[in-house]
Amino acid sequence: MINLRLVSSLLLAILASACSQKSSEIVVCGDDKVLIFDESESESTDVKVTWQWKVSDAGELVYTKGEISWWTHNIYFINPEKRLIIPDINIYKVRVIK
């Protein structure tokens, strides 16, 4: 079984990196958290966190992962945890439209 906390943290880190505004902002993910901190305003142990997220703060999270080369037949959900299997299409990305 995959580590859902790690997967959701990595996915959010990828999304957050696209949202980072300054070149000195660094996106870090680990355990069940994603942080953006400003390297130019941080010292060795005094880190200036500009944004943070925890898995426990999330509503529903939807994702795919490359299980057959770069594609899959599965869509995974967190909150609630479930999996949809769609054998008729090679899925490489999923988006939520509301």
N, C-alpha and C. Protein backbone atom coordinates (compact mmCIF):
# COMPACT_ATOMS: atom_id res chain seq x y z
N MET A 1 0.84 -1.19 0.00
CA MET A 1 0.00 0.00 0.00
C MET A 1 0.88 1.24 0.00
N ILE A 2 0.51 2.21 -0.75
CA ILE A 2 1.30 3.44 -0.83
C ILE A 2 1.08 4.29 0.42
N ASN A 3 2.03 5.13 0.70
CA ASN A 3 1.92 6.05 1.81
C ASN A 3 1.14 7.27 1.32
N LEU A 4 -0.14 7.34 1.67
CA LEU A 4 -1.01 8.40 1.16
C LEU A 4 -0.57 9.77 1.63
N ARG A 5 -0.05 9.86 2.84
CA ARG A 5 0.42 11.16 3.33
C ARG A 5 1.59 11.67 2.50
N LEU A 6 2.51 10.76 2.18
CA LEU A 6 3.66 11.16 1.38
C LEU A 6 3.24 11.57 -0.02
N VAL A 7 2.37 10.78 -0.64
CA VAL A 7 1.91 11.09 -1.99
C VAL A 7 1.19 12.44 -2.03
N SER A 8 0.30 12.67 -1.07
CA SER A 8 -0.43 13.94 -1.09
C SER A 8 0.51 15.12 -0.82
N SER A 9 1.51 14.92 0.04
CA SER A 9 2.48 15.99 0.29
C SER A 9 3.29 16.30 -0.96
N LEU A 10 3.71 15.26 -1.66
CA LEU A 10 4.48 15.47 -2.89
C LEU A 10 3.66 16.16 -3.96
N LEU A 11 2.41 15.76 -4.11
CA LEU A 11 1.55 16.40 -5.10
C LEU A 11 1.35 17.88 -4.78
N LEU A 12 1.12 18.17 -3.52
CA LEU A 12 0.92 19.57 -3.16
C LEU A 12 2.21 20.36 -3.32
N ALA A 13 3.34 19.73 -3.07
CA ALA A 13 4.62 20.43 -3.25
C ALA A 13 4.81 20.82 -4.71
N ILE A 14 4.43 19.94 -5.60
CA ILE A 14 4.54 20.24 -7.04
C ILE A 14 3.64 21.42 -7.39
N LEU A 15 2.41 21.40 -6.88
CA LEU A 15 1.49 22.50 -7.15
C LEU A 15 1.99 23.79 -6.51
N ALA A 16 2.49 23.71 -5.29
CA ALA A 16 2.96 24.90 -4.59
C ALA A 16 4.17 25.50 -5.27
N SER A 17 5.03 24.67 -5.84
CA SER A 17 6.22 25.21 -6.50
C SER A 17 5.84 26.08 -7.70
N ALA A 18 4.72 25.76 -8.32
CA ALA A 18 4.26 26.59 -9.44
C ALA A 18 3.69 27.91 -8.94
N CYS A 19 3.32 27.98 -7.66
CA CYS A 19 2.72 29.19 -7.09
C CYS A 19 3.75 30.08 -6.41
N SER A 20 4.96 29.60 -6.24
CA SER A 20 5.99 30.37 -5.56
C SER A 20 6.28 31.63 -6.38
N GLN A 21 6.31 32.79 -5.72
CA GLN A 21 6.42 34.07 -6.41
C GLN A 21 7.85 34.56 -6.55
N LYS A 22 8.67 34.40 -5.53
CA LYS A 22 10.02 34.95 -5.55
C LYS A 22 11.03 33.85 -5.84
N SER A 23 12.13 34.22 -6.48
CA SER A 23 13.15 33.23 -6.79
C SER A 23 13.83 32.70 -5.53
N SER A 24 13.71 33.41 -4.42
CA SER A 24 14.32 32.94 -3.18
C SER A 24 13.40 32.04 -2.36
N GLU A 25 12.19 31.78 -2.85
CA GLU A 25 11.28 30.89 -2.14
C GLU A 25 11.58 29.44 -2.50
N ILE A 26 11.60 28.60 -1.48
CA ILE A 26 11.91 27.18 -1.66
C ILE A 26 10.74 26.36 -1.13
N VAL A 27 10.31 25.36 -1.91
CA VAL A 27 9.23 24.48 -1.51
C VAL A 27 9.85 23.21 -0.93
N VAL A 28 9.41 22.83 0.27
CA VAL A 28 9.93 21.66 0.96
C VAL A 28 8.76 20.78 1.37
N CYS A 29 8.87 19.47 1.15
CA CYS A 29 7.83 18.57 1.63
C CYS A 29 8.48 17.43 2.40
N GLY A 30 7.77 16.96 3.41
CA GLY A 30 8.23 15.85 4.21
C GLY A 30 7.14 15.45 5.16
N ASP A 31 7.16 14.19 5.56
CA ASP A 31 6.13 13.64 6.43
C ASP A 31 4.76 13.99 5.84
N ASP A 32 3.97 14.74 6.56
CA ASP A 32 2.63 15.10 6.07
C ASP A 32 2.48 16.60 5.89
N LYS A 33 3.61 17.29 5.60
CA LYS A 33 3.58 18.75 5.48
C LYS A 33 4.25 19.22 4.19
N VAL A 34 3.83 20.38 3.74
CA VAL A 34 4.49 21.09 2.66
C VAL A 34 4.70 22.52 3.15
N LEU A 35 5.92 23.03 3.01
CA LEU A 35 6.25 24.39 3.45
C LEU A 35 6.86 25.17 2.30
N ILE A 36 6.59 26.45 2.24
CA ILE A 36 7.33 27.36 1.37
C ILE A 36 8.03 28.33 2.30
N PHE A 37 9.35 28.43 2.15
CA PHE A 37 10.06 29.40 2.98
C PHE A 37 10.93 30.29 2.12
N ASP A 38 11.22 31.46 2.65
CA ASP A 38 12.01 32.46 1.94
C ASP A 38 13.46 32.33 2.37
N GLU A 39 14.28 31.80 1.48
CA GLU A 39 15.68 31.55 1.79
C GLU A 39 16.44 32.84 2.05
N SER A 40 16.09 33.91 1.37
CA SER A 40 16.81 35.18 1.53
C SER A 40 16.55 35.83 2.89
N GLU A 41 15.44 35.47 3.53
CA GLU A 41 15.11 36.05 4.84
C GLU A 41 15.27 35.05 5.98
N SER A 42 15.93 33.92 5.72
CA SER A 42 16.09 32.88 6.72
C SER A 42 17.55 32.70 7.09
N GLU A 43 17.79 32.38 8.35
CA GLU A 43 19.12 32.04 8.85
C GLU A 43 19.12 30.54 9.14
N SER A 44 20.26 30.00 9.56
CA SER A 44 20.43 28.55 9.67
C SER A 44 19.29 27.83 10.41
N THR A 45 18.91 28.28 11.58
CA THR A 45 17.81 27.62 12.30
C THR A 45 16.57 28.50 12.43
N ASP A 46 16.63 29.71 11.93
CA ASP A 46 15.51 30.64 11.99
C ASP A 46 14.95 30.79 10.58
N VAL A 47 14.02 29.89 10.24
CA VAL A 47 13.47 29.83 8.88
C VAL A 47 12.20 30.65 8.81
N LYS A 48 12.08 31.54 7.81
CA LYS A 48 10.88 32.34 7.61
C LYS A 48 9.92 31.59 6.69
N VAL A 49 8.94 30.92 7.31
CA VAL A 49 7.95 30.16 6.55
C VAL A 49 6.92 31.14 6.02
N THR A 50 6.70 31.15 4.69
CA THR A 50 5.72 32.05 4.09
C THR A 50 4.38 31.37 3.83
N TRP A 51 4.38 30.02 3.82
CA TRP A 51 3.14 29.28 3.60
C TRP A 51 3.35 27.85 4.07
N GLN A 52 2.29 27.23 4.64
CA GLN A 52 2.40 25.83 5.03
C GLN A 52 1.06 25.12 4.87
N TRP A 53 1.13 23.80 4.71
CA TRP A 53 -0.06 22.97 4.53
C TRP A 53 0.21 21.62 5.16
N LYS A 54 -0.83 21.03 5.77
CA LYS A 54 -0.75 19.69 6.34
C LYS A 54 -1.84 18.83 5.71
N VAL A 55 -1.58 17.54 5.58
CA VAL A 55 -2.57 16.62 5.01
C VAL A 55 -3.87 16.70 5.80
N SER A 56 -3.77 16.84 7.11
CA SER A 56 -4.98 16.89 7.94
C SER A 56 -5.85 18.11 7.62
N ASP A 57 -5.27 19.15 6.97
CA ASP A 57 -6.03 20.34 6.59
C ASP A 57 -6.81 20.14 5.29
N ALA A 58 -6.53 19.06 4.59
CA ALA A 58 -7.08 18.87 3.24
C ALA A 58 -8.53 18.43 3.26
N GLY A 59 -9.22 18.87 2.25
CA GLY A 59 -10.51 18.30 1.96
C GLY A 59 -10.23 17.08 1.08
N GLU A 60 -11.02 16.86 0.08
CA GLU A 60 -10.80 15.73 -0.81
C GLU A 60 -9.57 15.98 -1.68
N LEU A 61 -8.76 14.95 -1.85
CA LEU A 61 -7.59 15.01 -2.71
C LEU A 61 -7.74 13.90 -3.75
N VAL A 62 -7.53 14.21 -5.02
CA VAL A 62 -7.67 13.26 -6.11
C VAL A 62 -6.36 13.23 -6.88
N TYR A 63 -5.85 12.02 -7.21
CA TYR A 63 -4.58 11.92 -7.92
C TYR A 63 -4.48 10.63 -8.71
N THR A 64 -3.52 10.58 -9.62
CA THR A 64 -3.15 9.37 -10.33
C THR A 64 -1.66 9.15 -10.11
N LYS A 65 -1.19 7.98 -10.45
CA LYS A 65 0.25 7.70 -10.43
C LYS A 65 0.55 6.74 -11.56
N GLY A 66 1.70 6.91 -12.19
CA GLY A 66 2.08 6.06 -13.32
C GLY A 66 2.35 4.65 -12.85
N GLU A 67 1.45 3.73 -13.15
CA GLU A 67 1.60 2.34 -12.73
C GLU A 67 1.93 1.43 -13.91
N ILE A 68 1.56 1.86 -15.10
CA ILE A 68 1.85 1.12 -16.32
C ILE A 68 2.59 2.11 -17.21
N SER A 69 3.91 2.10 -17.10
CA SER A 69 4.72 3.12 -17.76
C SER A 69 4.34 4.47 -17.15
N TRP A 70 3.85 5.40 -17.94
CA TRP A 70 3.50 6.74 -17.47
C TRP A 70 2.01 6.91 -17.24
N TRP A 71 1.22 5.88 -17.40
CA TRP A 71 -0.23 5.99 -17.27
C TRP A 71 -0.77 4.93 -16.32
N THR A 72 -2.09 4.98 -16.08
CA THR A 72 -2.75 4.06 -15.15
C THR A 72 -4.21 3.88 -15.55
N HIS A 73 -4.88 2.95 -14.92
CA HIS A 73 -6.33 2.79 -15.05
C HIS A 73 -7.04 3.20 -13.76
N ASN A 74 -6.27 3.74 -12.80
CA ASN A 74 -6.80 4.03 -11.47
C ASN A 74 -6.83 5.53 -11.17
N ILE A 75 -7.87 5.95 -10.47
CA ILE A 75 -7.96 7.30 -9.90
C ILE A 75 -8.09 7.09 -8.40
N TYR A 76 -7.19 7.73 -7.65
CA TYR A 76 -7.16 7.59 -6.20
C TYR A 76 -7.73 8.82 -5.52
N PHE A 77 -8.37 8.60 -4.39
CA PHE A 77 -8.99 9.68 -3.60
C PHE A 77 -8.50 9.58 -2.15
N ILE A 78 -8.34 10.73 -1.52
CA ILE A 78 -8.11 10.82 -0.09
C ILE A 78 -9.20 11.72 0.47
N ASN A 79 -9.77 11.36 1.58
CA ASN A 79 -10.86 12.10 2.26
C ASN A 79 -12.11 12.17 1.41
N PRO A 80 -12.83 11.12 1.16
CA PRO A 80 -12.66 9.76 1.68
C PRO A 80 -11.69 8.96 0.83
N GLU A 81 -11.07 7.95 1.43
CA GLU A 81 -10.11 7.11 0.73
C GLU A 81 -10.84 6.09 -0.13
N LYS A 82 -10.58 6.13 -1.44
CA LYS A 82 -11.18 5.15 -2.35
C LYS A 82 -10.38 5.13 -3.65
N ARG A 83 -10.71 4.19 -4.52
CA ARG A 83 -10.05 4.07 -5.82
C ARG A 83 -11.11 3.74 -6.87
N LEU A 84 -11.05 4.45 -7.99
CA LEU A 84 -11.90 4.14 -9.14
C LEU A 84 -11.02 3.48 -10.20
N ILE A 85 -11.50 2.42 -10.80
CA ILE A 85 -10.78 1.72 -11.85
C ILE A 85 -11.55 1.91 -13.16
N ILE A 86 -10.86 2.46 -14.16
CA ILE A 86 -11.48 2.70 -15.46
C ILE A 86 -10.61 2.01 -16.51
N PRO A 87 -10.92 0.76 -16.86
CA PRO A 87 -10.05 -0.03 -17.74
C PRO A 87 -10.06 0.40 -19.20
N ASP A 88 -11.01 1.24 -19.60
CA ASP A 88 -11.16 1.61 -21.01
C ASP A 88 -10.32 2.81 -21.44
N ILE A 89 -9.54 3.41 -20.54
CA ILE A 89 -8.77 4.60 -20.90
C ILE A 89 -7.42 4.57 -20.17
N ASN A 90 -6.39 5.04 -20.84
CA ASN A 90 -5.07 5.20 -20.23
C ASN A 90 -5.01 6.59 -19.61
N ILE A 91 -5.10 6.66 -18.29
CA ILE A 91 -5.20 7.92 -17.56
C ILE A 91 -3.80 8.40 -17.18
N TYR A 92 -3.50 9.66 -17.47
CA TYR A 92 -2.22 10.23 -17.04
C TYR A 92 -2.40 11.44 -16.13
N LYS A 93 -3.60 12.00 -16.06
CA LYS A 93 -3.85 13.17 -15.22
C LYS A 93 -5.32 13.21 -14.84
N VAL A 94 -5.59 13.72 -13.66
CA VAL A 94 -6.97 13.89 -13.22
C VAL A 94 -7.09 15.28 -12.60
N ARG A 95 -8.19 15.94 -12.85
CA ARG A 95 -8.46 17.27 -12.30
C ARG A 95 -9.87 17.26 -11.71
N VAL A 96 -10.05 18.06 -10.69
CA VAL A 96 -11.37 18.24 -10.09
C VAL A 96 -11.94 19.55 -10.62
N ILE A 97 -13.15 19.51 -11.16
CA ILE A 97 -13.81 20.71 -11.67
C ILE A 97 -15.02 20.95 -10.80
N LYS A 98 -15.09 22.11 -10.21
CA LYS A 98 -16.25 22.43 -9.37
C LYS A 98 -16.88 23.70 -9.84
